Protein backbone atom coordinates (compact mmCIF):
# COMPACT_ATOMS: atom_id res chain seq x y z
CA MET A 1 281.96 192.19 110.92
CA GLU A 2 279.96 192.91 107.94
CA GLU A 3 282.35 191.59 106.14
CA ASP A 4 282.62 188.07 108.18
CA LEU A 5 279.16 188.04 107.57
CA SER A 6 279.90 188.00 104.01
CA LYS A 7 282.19 186.26 104.37
CA ASP A 8 280.32 183.71 106.39
CA SER A 9 277.16 183.53 104.11
CA ASN A 10 279.56 182.97 100.93
CA GLU A 11 280.88 180.09 103.16
CA VAL A 12 277.41 178.92 103.57
CA LEU A 13 276.28 179.63 100.06
CA ILE A 14 279.18 177.47 98.64
CA GLN A 15 278.43 174.75 100.89
CA ARG A 16 275.09 175.23 99.23
CA ILE A 17 276.20 174.99 96.08
CA VAL A 18 278.11 172.03 97.37
CA VAL A 19 275.43 169.97 98.66
CA LEU A 20 272.58 171.15 95.56
CA ARG A 21 275.54 169.87 92.81
CA LEU A 22 275.80 166.77 95.41
CA GLU A 23 272.62 165.68 95.25
CA ASN A 24 271.90 167.07 91.33
CA THR A 25 274.81 164.09 90.87
CA ARG A 26 272.73 161.64 92.59
CA LEU A 27 270.00 162.41 91.00
CA GLU A 28 271.37 162.41 87.59
CA GLU A 29 272.28 159.05 89.09
CA LEU A 30 268.98 157.83 89.88
CA ARG A 31 268.04 158.69 86.77
CA LYS A 32 269.84 156.92 84.76
CA LYS A 33 269.46 153.85 86.77
CA LEU A 34 265.38 154.04 86.50
CA LEU A 35 266.35 154.39 82.87
CA GLU A 36 268.19 151.50 83.25
CA GLU A 37 265.59 149.11 84.59
CA HIS A 38 262.79 151.00 82.57
CA ASP A 39 264.94 149.37 79.27
CA MET A 40 265.36 146.47 81.19
CA LEU A 41 261.91 146.71 81.64
CA GLN A 42 260.65 146.48 78.13
CA ARG A 43 263.44 143.86 77.11
CA GLN A 44 261.62 141.39 78.80
CA LYS A 45 257.82 142.49 78.26
CA GLN A 46 259.13 142.32 74.44
CA ILE A 47 260.82 138.80 75.53
CA ARG A 48 257.32 137.29 77.02
CA ILE A 49 255.96 138.17 74.16
CA GLU A 50 258.07 137.12 71.45
CA LEU A 51 257.46 133.85 73.99
CA GLU A 52 253.75 133.86 74.69
CA ARG A 53 253.77 133.79 70.67
CA GLN A 54 255.91 130.74 69.96
CA ALA A 55 254.12 129.16 73.15
CA ALA A 56 250.89 130.26 71.05
CA LEU A 57 252.29 128.84 68.05
CA ARG A 58 253.26 125.61 69.33
CA ARG A 59 249.97 124.64 70.82
CA LYS A 60 248.34 125.52 67.31
CA GLU A 61 251.05 122.97 65.85
CA LEU A 62 250.39 120.63 68.39
CA GLN A 63 246.61 121.03 67.80
CA ARG A 64 246.90 120.70 64.42
CA LYS A 65 248.95 117.03 64.70
CA LEU A 66 246.85 115.92 67.46
CA ASP A 67 243.92 116.24 64.52
CA GLU A 68 245.82 114.79 62.41
CA TRP A 69 246.62 111.88 64.20
CA ARG A 70 242.79 111.63 65.33
CA ARG A 71 241.78 111.42 61.38
CA LYS A 72 244.71 109.01 60.62
CA GLU A 73 243.42 106.80 63.67
CA LYS A 74 239.63 106.76 62.35
CA GLU A 75 240.91 106.07 58.87
CA LYS A 76 242.61 102.94 59.84
CA ILE A 77 239.53 101.75 61.85
CA ASP A 78 237.59 102.69 59.25
CA THR A 79 239.88 100.81 56.77
CA GLU A 80 240.04 97.91 59.07
CA THR A 81 235.94 97.78 59.18
CA MET A 82 235.53 98.03 55.86
CA MET A 83 238.12 94.92 55.59
CA GLN A 84 236.85 92.92 57.67
CA ASN A 85 233.05 93.46 56.21
CA LYS A 86 234.42 92.26 52.56
CA PHE A 87 236.05 89.22 53.65
CA PHE A 88 233.32 88.01 55.65
CA THR A 89 230.91 88.84 52.64
CA THR A 90 232.57 87.26 49.94
CA ASN A 91 231.62 84.25 48.53
CA TYR A 92 233.68 80.86 49.80
CA LYS A 93 231.06 78.57 50.44
CA ILE A 94 230.23 75.47 48.94
CA ASP A 95 227.33 74.94 46.32
CA LYS A 96 224.77 72.93 45.70
CA VAL A 97 226.67 70.43 44.15
CA ASP A 98 229.28 70.41 46.70
CA LYS A 99 232.26 72.11 44.98
CA VAL A 100 233.50 75.41 45.71
CA ASP A 101 232.59 78.50 43.67
CA LYS A 102 235.36 79.65 43.57
CA VAL A 103 238.41 77.72 44.17
CA SER A 104 240.54 81.02 45.89
CA ILE A 105 243.48 79.65 48.15
CA ILE A 106 243.01 81.81 51.55
CA ARG A 107 246.42 83.17 52.70
CA ILE A 108 247.39 84.41 55.91
CA GLY A 109 248.15 87.59 54.82
CA ASP A 110 244.68 87.58 53.21
CA ILE A 111 242.69 87.87 56.49
CA PRO A 112 242.01 90.63 58.35
CA PHE A 113 242.59 90.19 61.89
CA PRO A 114 240.33 91.99 63.53
CA SER A 115 243.45 94.78 65.98
CA GLU A 116 243.01 95.89 69.99
CA ARG A 117 242.10 99.25 69.16
CA TRP A 118 239.11 98.03 66.14
CA ILE A 119 237.73 95.35 68.25
CA GLN A 120 237.43 98.19 71.22
CA SER A 121 236.60 100.69 69.20
CA GLN A 122 233.22 98.18 67.65
CA ILE A 123 232.56 98.18 71.50
CA GLY A 124 232.34 101.32 71.93
CA LYS A 125 230.36 102.01 69.01
CA MET A 126 228.19 98.28 69.50
CA GLY A 127 228.41 97.67 73.13
CA CYS A 128 230.25 94.52 74.43
CA ARG A 129 227.07 92.30 74.17
CA LYS A 130 226.65 92.61 70.63
CA VAL A 131 230.15 92.53 69.71
CA TYR A 132 230.72 90.05 71.37
CA LYS A 133 228.13 87.66 69.43
CA LEU A 134 228.77 89.43 66.04
CA TYR A 135 232.74 88.67 66.48
CA ALA A 136 233.19 85.64 68.13
CA LEU A 137 230.98 83.54 65.51
CA ARG A 138 232.89 85.26 62.41
CA TRP A 139 236.63 84.42 64.52
CA HIS A 140 235.64 81.38 66.71
CA PRO A 141 237.73 78.73 65.40
CA ASP A 142 235.24 75.92 64.72
CA SER A 143 232.73 78.17 62.51
CA PHE A 144 236.33 79.53 60.81
CA MET A 145 236.90 76.54 60.05
CA ASN A 146 233.96 74.76 58.75
CA LYS A 147 233.31 78.03 56.46
CA LEU A 148 236.78 78.43 54.93
CA GLY A 149 238.96 75.87 56.56
CA LYS A 150 239.19 73.88 52.81
CA ASN A 151 240.32 76.77 51.30
CA LEU A 152 243.32 77.39 53.44
CA GLU A 153 246.81 77.76 52.67
CA ASP A 154 248.23 77.62 56.22
CA GLY A 155 245.36 75.73 57.30
CA VAL A 156 247.99 75.32 61.16
CA ASN A 157 248.90 78.95 61.14
CA ILE A 158 246.24 80.65 60.43
CA LEU A 159 244.10 78.47 62.95
CA LYS A 160 246.95 79.75 65.50
CA SER A 161 246.14 83.38 64.38
CA VAL A 162 242.01 82.80 64.93
CA THR A 163 241.88 81.17 68.01
CA ALA A 164 244.48 84.40 69.52
CA ALA A 165 241.87 86.64 67.69
CA PHE A 166 238.71 84.68 69.29
CA GLN A 167 240.58 84.72 72.56
CA LEU A 168 241.28 88.78 71.84
CA ILE A 169 237.37 89.30 71.63
CA SER A 170 236.69 87.76 74.62
CA LYS A 171 239.14 89.41 76.42
CA LEU A 172 238.55 92.37 75.75
CA THR A 173 234.23 92.10 75.90
CA GLY A 174 234.53 89.94 79.04
CA LYS A 175 233.10 86.78 77.90
């Protein structure tokens, strides 16, 4: 009987060992799976960090380009303002003896016609009413022809462009 007990206990021990080995194998597989998941999570984290870094660099580059574009637009408006002021302060008037001071022929390329962007920037600075009063006088076809008509090379085409500029000013200022 003792032998039977010992045989039974040996079988039980063997079964227990087998179960423990199976559990150990299962645990080892779980450990490997967890390590793989951990490695995958680490790779995903590295990828996310790299993508965030690239996005930050892209945002910085886009902001730099936007700032550069704004600076160039401001320079364009400032240049257009300077050209407008220079053209209209140049002395093309007739002197006391009804002779032209400078016999200057004005070509269409010499005239700094106002652009929509420039007019809007002036409206932003001075307001609609003031812009209309100032620039409608400058660009009104009759006053333009009275002031500069004798010096114009191609009066018909220039008059069309002056009329278009006057209409643009009227449209943008709401007059």
